[in-house]
Amino acid sequence: MAESATAPDVSGYSFEKAVAELETIVARLERGDVALDESISIYERGEALKKHCETLLSAAENRIEKIRLDRSGKPQAVEPLDGE
């Protein structure tokens, strides 16, 4: 799987698709059977996928916070999303 030298465009990926590809990249890197140049290339793609997933998660958190507002726009016992 040869990767291009330019930054990968993953902006159209769903969260699930990005995570699946990221898991594949991690597995390949953990096996250690990838040439150095290709390792760097797929690592960069993994970074792009990770950032995309973080962006999607942040957007989802923001949407949840908006849903938790009452009709007048006042917060209703907002709790952290991670249960802290």
PDB file of N, CA and C in Angstrom:
ATOM      1  N   MET A   1       0.850  -1.171   0.000  1.00  0.00           N
ATOM      2  CA  MET A   1       0.000   0.000   0.000  1.00  0.00           C
ATOM      3  C   MET A   1       0.892   1.228   0.000  1.00  0.00           C
ATOM      4  N   ALA A   2       1.192   1.779  -1.098  1.00  0.00           N
ATOM      5  CA  ALA A   2       2.016   2.975  -1.211  1.00  0.00           C
ATOM      6  C   ALA A   2       1.167   4.203  -0.970  1.00  0.00           C
ATOM      7  N   GLU A   3       1.687   5.115  -0.148  1.00  0.00           N
ATOM      8  CA  GLU A   3       0.973   6.337   0.192  1.00  0.00           C
ATOM      9  C   GLU A   3       1.593   7.495  -0.569  1.00  0.00           C
ATOM     10  N   SER A   4       0.811   8.526  -0.830  1.00  0.00           N
ATOM     11  CA  SER A   4       1.341   9.693  -1.519  1.00  0.00           C
ATOM     12  C   SER A   4       2.124  10.556  -0.533  1.00  0.00           C
ATOM     13  N   ALA A   5       3.004  11.421  -1.068  1.00  0.00           N
ATOM     14  CA  ALA A   5       3.830  12.272  -0.224  1.00  0.00           C
ATOM     15  C   ALA A   5       3.046  13.460   0.321  1.00  0.00           C
ATOM     16  N   THR A   6       1.898  13.769  -0.250  1.00  0.00           N
ATOM     17  CA  THR A   6       1.095  14.896   0.226  1.00  0.00           C
ATOM     18  C   THR A   6       0.223  14.453   1.390  1.00  0.00           C
ATOM     19  N   ALA A   7      -0.246  15.432   2.149  1.00  0.00           N
ATOM     20  CA  ALA A   7      -1.113  15.134   3.283  1.00  0.00           C
ATOM     21  C   ALA A   7      -2.394  14.472   2.788  1.00  0.00           C
ATOM     22  N   PRO A   8      -2.779  13.382   3.429  1.00  0.00           N
ATOM     23  CA  PRO A   8      -3.983  12.666   2.990  1.00  0.00           C
ATOM     24  C   PRO A   8      -5.241  13.444   3.309  1.00  0.00           C
ATOM     25  N   ASP A   9      -6.197  13.388   2.403  1.00  0.00           N
ATOM     26  CA  ASP A   9      -7.478  14.041   2.638  1.00  0.00           C
ATOM     27  C   ASP A   9      -8.438  13.016   3.225  1.00  0.00           C
ATOM     28  N   VAL A  10      -8.703  13.135   4.496  1.00  0.00           N
ATOM     29  CA  VAL A  10      -9.614  12.222   5.177  1.00  0.00           C
ATOM     30  C   VAL A  10     -10.872  12.949   5.650  1.00  0.00           C
ATOM     31  N   SER A  11     -11.053  14.181   5.199  1.00  0.00           N
ATOM     32  CA  SER A  11     -12.154  15.009   5.686  1.00  0.00           C
ATOM     33  C   SER A  11     -13.533  14.422   5.396  1.00  0.00           C
ATOM     34  N   GLY A  12     -13.652  13.610   4.385  1.00  0.00           N
ATOM     35  CA  GLY A  12     -14.939  13.019   4.054  1.00  0.00           C
ATOM     36  C   GLY A  12     -15.213  11.700   4.763  1.00  0.00           C
ATOM     37  N   TYR A  13     -14.259  11.228   5.546  1.00  0.00           N
ATOM     38  CA  TYR A  13     -14.415   9.944   6.225  1.00  0.00           C
ATOM     39  C   TYR A  13     -15.374  10.051   7.405  1.00  0.00           C
ATOM     40  N   SER A  14     -16.166   9.015   7.598  1.00  0.00           N
ATOM     41  CA  SER A  14     -16.983   8.936   8.805  1.00  0.00           C
ATOM     42  C   SER A  14     -16.050   8.585   9.961  1.00  0.00           C
ATOM     43  N   PHE A  15     -16.518   8.775  11.167  1.00  0.00           N
ATOM     44  CA  PHE A  15     -15.713   8.427  12.340  1.00  0.00           C
ATOM     45  C   PHE A  15     -15.344   6.951  12.304  1.00  0.00           C
ATOM     46  N   GLU A  16     -16.317   6.119  12.002  1.00  0.00           N
ATOM     47  CA  GLU A  16     -16.089   4.677  12.001  1.00  0.00           C
ATOM     48  C   GLU A  16     -15.050   4.266  10.957  1.00  0.00           C
ATOM     49  N   LYS A  17     -15.135   4.854   9.769  1.00  0.00           N
ATOM     50  CA  LYS A  17     -14.178   4.524   8.711  1.00  0.00           C
ATOM     51  C   LYS A  17     -12.772   4.978   9.097  1.00  0.00           C
ATOM     52  N   ALA A  18     -12.665   6.164   9.677  1.00  0.00           N
ATOM     53  CA  ALA A  18     -11.360   6.683  10.091  1.00  0.00           C
ATOM     54  C   ALA A  18     -10.746   5.805  11.180  1.00  0.00           C
ATOM     55  N   VAL A  19     -11.542   5.402  12.161  1.00  0.00           N
ATOM     56  CA  VAL A  19     -11.038   4.552  13.238  1.00  0.00           C
ATOM     57  C   VAL A  19     -10.599   3.198  12.693  1.00  0.00           C
ATOM     58  N   ALA A  20     -11.375   2.626  11.783  1.00  0.00           N
ATOM     59  CA  ALA A  20     -11.018   1.329  11.207  1.00  0.00           C
ATOM     60  C   ALA A  20      -9.683   1.403  10.473  1.00  0.00           C
ATOM     61  N   GLU A  21      -9.496   2.452   9.684  1.00  0.00           N
ATOM     62  CA  GLU A  21      -8.231   2.592   8.969  1.00  0.00           C
ATOM     63  C   GLU A  21      -7.085   2.857   9.935  1.00  0.00           C
ATOM     64  N   LEU A  22      -7.339   3.637  10.951  1.00  0.00           N
ATOM     65  CA  LEU A  22      -6.316   3.918  11.955  1.00  0.00           C
ATOM     66  C   LEU A  22      -5.893   2.632  12.671  1.00  0.00           C
ATOM     67  N   GLU A  23      -6.850   1.775  12.988  1.00  0.00           N
ATOM     68  CA  GLU A  23      -6.532   0.491  13.619  1.00  0.00           C
ATOM     69  C   GLU A  23      -5.672  -0.376  12.710  1.00  0.00           C
ATOM     70  N   THR A  24      -5.955  -0.343  11.414  1.00  0.00           N
ATOM     71  CA  THR A  24      -5.157  -1.096  10.453  1.00  0.00           C
ATOM     72  C   THR A  24      -3.719  -0.575  10.419  1.00  0.00           C
ATOM     73  N   ILE A  25      -3.572   0.732  10.425  1.00  0.00           N
ATOM     74  CA  ILE A  25      -2.246   1.346  10.408  1.00  0.00           C
ATOM     75  C   ILE A  25      -1.470   0.970  11.665  1.00  0.00           C
ATOM     76  N   VAL A  26      -2.113   1.062  12.817  1.00  0.00           N
ATOM     77  CA  VAL A  26      -1.449   0.720  14.077  1.00  0.00           C
ATOM     78  C   VAL A  26      -0.991  -0.733  14.051  1.00  0.00           C
ATOM     79  N   ALA A  27      -1.846  -1.620  13.575  1.00  0.00           N
ATOM     80  CA  ALA A  27      -1.486  -3.042  13.510  1.00  0.00           C
ATOM     81  C   ALA A  27      -0.273  -3.259  12.609  1.00  0.00           C
ATOM     82  N   ARG A  28      -0.242  -2.587  11.470  1.00  0.00           N
ATOM     83  CA  ARG A  28       0.900  -2.724  10.553  1.00  0.00           C
ATOM     84  C   ARG A  28       2.184  -2.220  11.202  1.00  0.00           C
ATOM     85  N   LEU A  29       2.103  -1.084  11.864  1.00  0.00           N
ATOM     86  CA  LEU A  29       3.292  -0.528  12.507  1.00  0.00           C
ATOM     87  C   LEU A  29       3.761  -1.398  13.673  1.00  0.00           C
ATOM     88  N   GLU A  30       2.821  -1.962  14.420  1.00  0.00           N
ATOM     89  CA  GLU A  30       3.182  -2.825  15.543  1.00  0.00           C
ATOM     90  C   GLU A  30       3.854  -4.121  15.086  1.00  0.00           C
ATOM     91  N   ARG A  31       3.440  -4.635  13.932  1.00  0.00           N
ATOM     92  CA  ARG A  31       4.069  -5.856  13.401  1.00  0.00           C
ATOM     93  C   ARG A  31       5.534  -5.606  13.051  1.00  0.00           C
ATOM     94  N   GLY A  32       5.845  -4.391  12.635  1.00  0.00           N
ATOM     95  CA  GLY A  32       7.224  -4.044  12.333  1.00  0.00           C
ATOM     96  C   GLY A  32       7.744  -4.575  11.020  1.00  0.00           C
ATOM     97  N   ASP A  33       6.862  -4.991  10.147  1.00  0.00           N
ATOM     98  CA  ASP A  33       7.310  -5.549   8.868  1.00  0.00           C
ATOM     99  C   ASP A  33       7.146  -4.561   7.711  1.00  0.00           C
ATOM    100  N   VAL A  34       7.152  -3.261   8.039  1.00  0.00           N
ATOM    101  CA  VAL A  34       6.978  -2.222   7.039  1.00  0.00           C
ATOM    102  C   VAL A  34       8.311  -1.476   6.904  1.00  0.00           C
ATOM    103  N   ALA A  35       8.704  -1.205   5.671  1.00  0.00           N
ATOM    104  CA  ALA A  35       9.942  -0.465   5.426  1.00  0.00           C
ATOM    105  C   ALA A  35       9.869   0.916   6.076  1.00  0.00           C
ATOM    106  N   LEU A  36      11.023   1.478   6.406  1.00  0.00           N
ATOM    107  CA  LEU A  36      11.079   2.760   7.108  1.00  0.00           C
ATOM    108  C   LEU A  36      10.329   3.863   6.374  1.00  0.00           C
ATOM    109  N   ASP A  37      10.576   4.026   5.079  1.00  0.00           N
ATOM    110  CA  ASP A  37       9.891   5.084   4.320  1.00  0.00           C
ATOM    111  C   ASP A  37       8.381   4.912   4.361  1.00  0.00           C
ATOM    112  N   GLU A  38       7.927   3.693   4.194  1.00  0.00           N
ATOM    113  CA  GLU A  38       6.483   3.449   4.229  1.00  0.00           C
ATOM    114  C   GLU A  38       5.938   3.635   5.641  1.00  0.00           C
ATOM    115  N   SER A  39       6.729   3.276   6.653  1.00  0.00           N
ATOM    116  CA  SER A  39       6.307   3.482   8.042  1.00  0.00           C
ATOM    117  C   SER A  39       6.049   4.958   8.307  1.00  0.00           C
ATOM    118  N   ILE A  40       6.947   5.798   7.836  1.00  0.00           N
ATOM    119  CA  ILE A  40       6.781   7.242   8.025  1.00  0.00           C
ATOM    120  C   ILE A  40       5.524   7.725   7.312  1.00  0.00           C
ATOM    121  N   SER A  41       5.324   7.251   6.104  1.00  0.00           N
ATOM    122  CA  SER A  41       4.174   7.660   5.309  1.00  0.00           C
ATOM    123  C   SER A  41       2.855   7.246   5.965  1.00  0.00           C
ATOM    124  N   ILE A  42       2.778   5.993   6.414  1.00  0.00           N
ATOM    125  CA  ILE A  42       1.515   5.551   7.011  1.00  0.00           C
ATOM    126  C   ILE A  42       1.330   6.149   8.403  1.00  0.00           C
ATOM    127  N   TYR A  43       2.433   6.465   9.087  1.00  0.00           N
ATOM    128  CA  TYR A  43       2.325   7.154  10.367  1.00  0.00           C
ATOM    129  C   TYR A  43       1.704   8.538  10.163  1.00  0.00           C
ATOM    130  N   GLU A  44       2.150   9.232   9.126  1.00  0.00           N
ATOM    131  CA  GLU A  44       1.581  10.548   8.815  1.00  0.00           C
ATOM    132  C   GLU A  44       0.096  10.434   8.503  1.00  0.00           C
ATOM    133  N   ARG A  45      -0.281   9.408   7.767  1.00  0.00           N
ATOM    134  CA  ARG A  45      -1.702   9.196   7.478  1.00  0.00           C
ATOM    135  C   ARG A  45      -2.465   8.919   8.776  1.00  0.00           C
ATOM    136  N   GLY A  46      -1.858   8.144   9.644  1.00  0.00           N
ATOM    137  CA  GLY A  46      -2.470   7.859  10.940  1.00  0.00           C
ATOM    138  C   GLY A  46      -2.691   9.126  11.756  1.00  0.00           C
ATOM    139  N   GLU A  47      -1.723  10.033  11.714  1.00  0.00           N
ATOM    140  CA  GLU A  47      -1.873  11.312  12.410  1.00  0.00           C
ATOM    141  C   GLU A  47      -3.048  12.104  11.843  1.00  0.00           C
ATOM    142  N   ALA A  48      -3.177  12.115  10.531  1.00  0.00           N
ATOM    143  CA  ALA A  48      -4.299  12.824   9.899  1.00  0.00           C
ATOM    144  C   ALA A  48      -5.629  12.196  10.313  1.00  0.00           C
ATOM    145  N   LEU A  49      -5.672  10.878  10.359  1.00  0.00           N
ATOM    146  CA  LEU A  49      -6.894  10.179  10.773  1.00  0.00           C
ATOM    147  C   LEU A  49      -7.216  10.486  12.233  1.00  0.00           C
ATOM    148  N   LYS A  50      -6.204  10.486  13.086  1.00  0.00           N
ATOM    149  CA  LYS A  50      -6.390  10.778  14.510  1.00  0.00           C
ATOM    150  C   LYS A  50      -6.950  12.185  14.698  1.00  0.00           C
ATOM    151  N   LYS A  51      -6.387  13.155  14.012  1.00  0.00           N
ATOM    152  CA  LYS A  51      -6.875  14.533  14.118  1.00  0.00           C
ATOM    153  C   LYS A  51      -8.313  14.643  13.632  1.00  0.00           C
ATOM    154  N   HIS A  52      -8.617  13.927  12.541  1.00  0.00           N
ATOM    155  CA  HIS A  52      -9.985  13.948  12.012  1.00  0.00           C
ATOM    156  C   HIS A  52     -10.955  13.356  13.039  1.00  0.00           C
ATOM    157  N   CYS A  53     -10.576  12.255  13.671  1.00  0.00           N
ATOM    158  CA  CYS A  53     -11.431  11.641  14.690  1.00  0.00           C
ATOM    159  C   CYS A  53     -11.629  12.584  15.869  1.00  0.00           C
ATOM    160  N   GLU A  54     -10.567  13.264  16.292  1.00  0.00           N
ATOM    161  CA  GLU A  54     -10.685  14.224  17.388  1.00  0.00           C
ATOM    162  C   GLU A  54     -11.644  15.356  17.036  1.00  0.00           C
ATOM    163  N   THR A  55     -11.573  15.823  15.796  1.00  0.00           N
ATOM    164  CA  THR A  55     -12.476  16.885  15.343  1.00  0.00           C
ATOM    165  C   THR A  55     -13.924  16.416  15.371  1.00  0.00           C
ATOM    166  N   LEU A  56     -14.157  15.201  14.878  1.00  0.00           N
ATOM    167  CA  LEU A  56     -15.517  14.659  14.874  1.00  0.00           C
ATOM    168  C   LEU A  56     -16.045  14.461  16.288  1.00  0.00           C
ATOM    169  N   LEU A  57     -15.189  13.970  17.187  1.00  0.00           N
ATOM    170  CA  LEU A  57     -15.618  13.777  18.575  1.00  0.00           C
ATOM    171  C   LEU A  57     -15.929  15.104  19.250  1.00  0.00           C
ATOM    172  N   SER A  58     -15.115  16.104  18.994  1.00  0.00           N
ATOM    173  CA  SER A  58     -15.356  17.429  19.563  1.00  0.00           C
ATOM    174  C   SER A  58     -16.685  17.996  19.071  1.00  0.00           C
ATOM    175  N   ALA A  59     -16.955  17.833  17.788  1.00  0.00           N
ATOM    176  CA  ALA A  59     -18.223  18.307  17.227  1.00  0.00           C
ATOM    177  C   ALA A  59     -19.403  17.581  17.864  1.00  0.00           C
ATOM    178  N   ALA A  60     -19.247  16.280  18.091  1.00  0.00           N
ATOM    179  CA  ALA A  60     -20.319  15.501  18.722  1.00  0.00           C
ATOM    180  C   ALA A  60     -20.548  15.977  20.157  1.00  0.00           C
ATOM    181  N   GLU A  61     -19.465  16.245  20.883  1.00  0.00           N
ATOM    182  CA  GLU A  61     -19.598  16.748  22.250  1.00  0.00           C
ATOM    183  C   GLU A  61     -20.327  18.091  22.266  1.00  0.00           C
ATOM    184  N   ASN A  62     -19.988  18.959  21.332  1.00  0.00           N
ATOM    185  CA  ASN A  62     -20.654  20.263  21.250  1.00  0.00           C
ATOM    186  C   ASN A  62     -22.141  20.114  20.956  1.00  0.00           C
ATOM    187  N   ARG A  63     -22.484  19.176  20.083  1.00  0.00           N
ATOM    188  CA  ARG A  63     -23.897  18.942  19.772  1.00  0.00           C
ATOM    189  C   ARG A  63     -24.637  18.426  21.003  1.00  0.00           C
ATOM    190  N   ILE A  64     -23.994  17.553  21.761  1.00  0.00           N
ATOM    191  CA  ILE A  64     -24.630  17.014  22.967  1.00  0.00           C
ATOM    192  C   ILE A  64     -24.869  18.121  23.982  1.00  0.00           C
ATOM    193  N   GLU A  65     -23.883  19.003  24.143  1.00  0.00           N
ATOM    194  CA  GLU A  65     -24.052  20.116  25.074  1.00  0.00           C
ATOM    195  C   GLU A  65     -25.221  21.005  24.653  1.00  0.00           C
ATOM    196  N   LYS A  66     -25.386  21.239  23.366  1.00  0.00           N
ATOM    197  CA  LYS A  66     -26.507  22.056  22.896  1.00  0.00           C
ATOM    198  C   LYS A  66     -27.834  21.370  23.163  1.00  0.00           C
ATOM    199  N   ILE A  67     -27.871  20.073  23.011  1.00  0.00           N
ATOM    200  CA  ILE A  67     -29.101  19.315  23.261  1.00  0.00           C
ATOM    201  C   ILE A  67     -29.493  19.410  24.731  1.00  0.00           C
ATOM    202  N   ARG A  68     -28.535  19.569  25.605  1.00  0.00           N
ATOM    203  CA  ARG A  68     -28.787  19.586  27.028  1.00  0.00           C
ATOM    204  C   ARG A  68     -29.258  20.951  27.541  1.00  0.00           C
ATOM    205  N   LEU A  69     -29.539  21.873  26.655  1.00  0.00           N
ATOM    206  CA  LEU A  69     -30.077  23.168  27.058  1.00  0.00           C
ATOM    207  C   LEU A  69     -31.595  23.100  27.057  1.00  0.00           C
ATOM    208  N   ASP A  70     -32.214  23.797  28.020  1.00  0.00           N
ATOM    209  CA  ASP A  70     -33.678  23.802  28.027  1.00  0.00           C
ATOM    210  C   ASP A  70     -34.198  24.760  26.963  1.00  0.00           C
ATOM    211  N   ARG A  71     -35.507  24.898  26.880  1.00  0.00           N
ATOM    212  CA  ARG A  71     -36.120  25.724  25.828  1.00  0.00           C
ATOM    213  C   ARG A  71     -35.676  27.190  25.882  1.00  0.00           C
ATOM    214  N   SER A  72     -35.352  27.666  27.061  1.00  0.00           N
ATOM    215  CA  SER A  72     -34.922  29.064  27.177  1.00  0.00           C
ATOM    216  C   SER A  72     -33.414  29.217  26.971  1.00  0.00           C
ATOM    217  N   GLY A  73     -32.734  28.106  26.714  1.00  0.00           N
ATOM    218  CA  GLY A  73     -31.301  28.162  26.473  1.00  0.00           C
ATOM    219  C   GLY A  73     -30.458  28.033  27.719  1.00  0.00           C
ATOM    220  N   LYS A  74     -31.083  27.714  28.849  1.00  0.00           N
ATOM    221  CA  LYS A  74     -30.350  27.564  30.108  1.00  0.00           C
ATOM    222  C   LYS A  74     -29.890  26.117  30.273  1.00  0.00           C
ATOM    223  N   PRO A  75     -28.680  25.933  30.783  1.00  0.00           N
ATOM    224  CA  PRO A  75     -28.183  24.558  30.981  1.00  0.00           C
ATOM    225  C   PRO A  75     -29.032  23.792  31.986  1.00  0.00           C
ATOM    226  N   GLN A  76     -29.207  22.525  31.717  1.00  0.00           N
ATOM    227  CA  GLN A  76     -29.957  21.649  32.618  1.00  0.00           C
ATOM    228  C   GLN A  76     -28.985  20.652  33.237  1.00  0.00           C
ATOM    229  N   ALA A  77     -28.547  20.839  34.437  1.00  0.00           N
ATOM    230  CA  ALA A  77     -27.683  19.916  35.165  1.00  0.00           C
ATOM    231  C   ALA A  77     -26.689  19.228  34.247  1.00  0.00           C
ATOM    232  N   VAL A  78     -25.888  20.022  33.585  1.00  0.00           N
ATOM    233  CA  VAL A  78     -24.925  19.470  32.642  1.00  0.00           C
ATOM    234  C   VAL A  78     -23.836  18.728  33.396  1.00  0.00           C
ATOM    235  N   GLU A  79     -23.592  17.485  32.984  1.00  0.00           N
ATOM    236  CA  GLU A  79     -22.535  16.670  33.572  1.00  0.00           C
ATOM    237  C   GLU A  79     -21.470  16.439  32.514  1.00  0.00           C
ATOM    238  N   PRO A  80     -20.227  16.249  32.933  1.00  0.00           N
ATOM    239  CA  PRO A  80     -19.184  15.931  31.947  1.00  0.00           C
ATOM    240  C   PRO A  80     -19.552  14.670  31.177  1.00  0.00           C
ATOM    241  N   LEU A  81     -19.182  14.649  29.904  1.00  0.00           N
ATOM    242  CA  LEU A  81     -19.524  13.522  29.054  1.00  0.00           C
ATOM    243  C   LEU A  81     -18.825  12.242  29.458  1.00  0.00           C
ATOM    244  N   ASP A  82     -17.645  12.354  30.082  1.00  0.00           N
ATOM    245  CA  ASP A  82     -16.897  11.155  30.446  1.00  0.00           C
ATOM    246  C   ASP A  82     -17.229  10.649  31.845  1.00  0.00           C
ATOM    247  N   GLY A  83     -18.227  11.237  32.484  1.00  0.00           N
ATOM    248  CA  GLY A  83     -18.677  10.771  33.786  1.00  0.00           C
ATOM    249  C   GLY A  83     -17.830  11.248  34.944  1.00  0.00           C
ATOM    250  N   GLU A  84     -16.914  12.166  34.728  1.00  0.00           N
ATOM    251  CA  GLU A  84     -16.053  12.670  35.811  1.00  0.00           C
ATOM    252  C   GLU A  84     -16.821  13.603  36.711  1.00  0.00           C
TER     253      GLU A  84
END
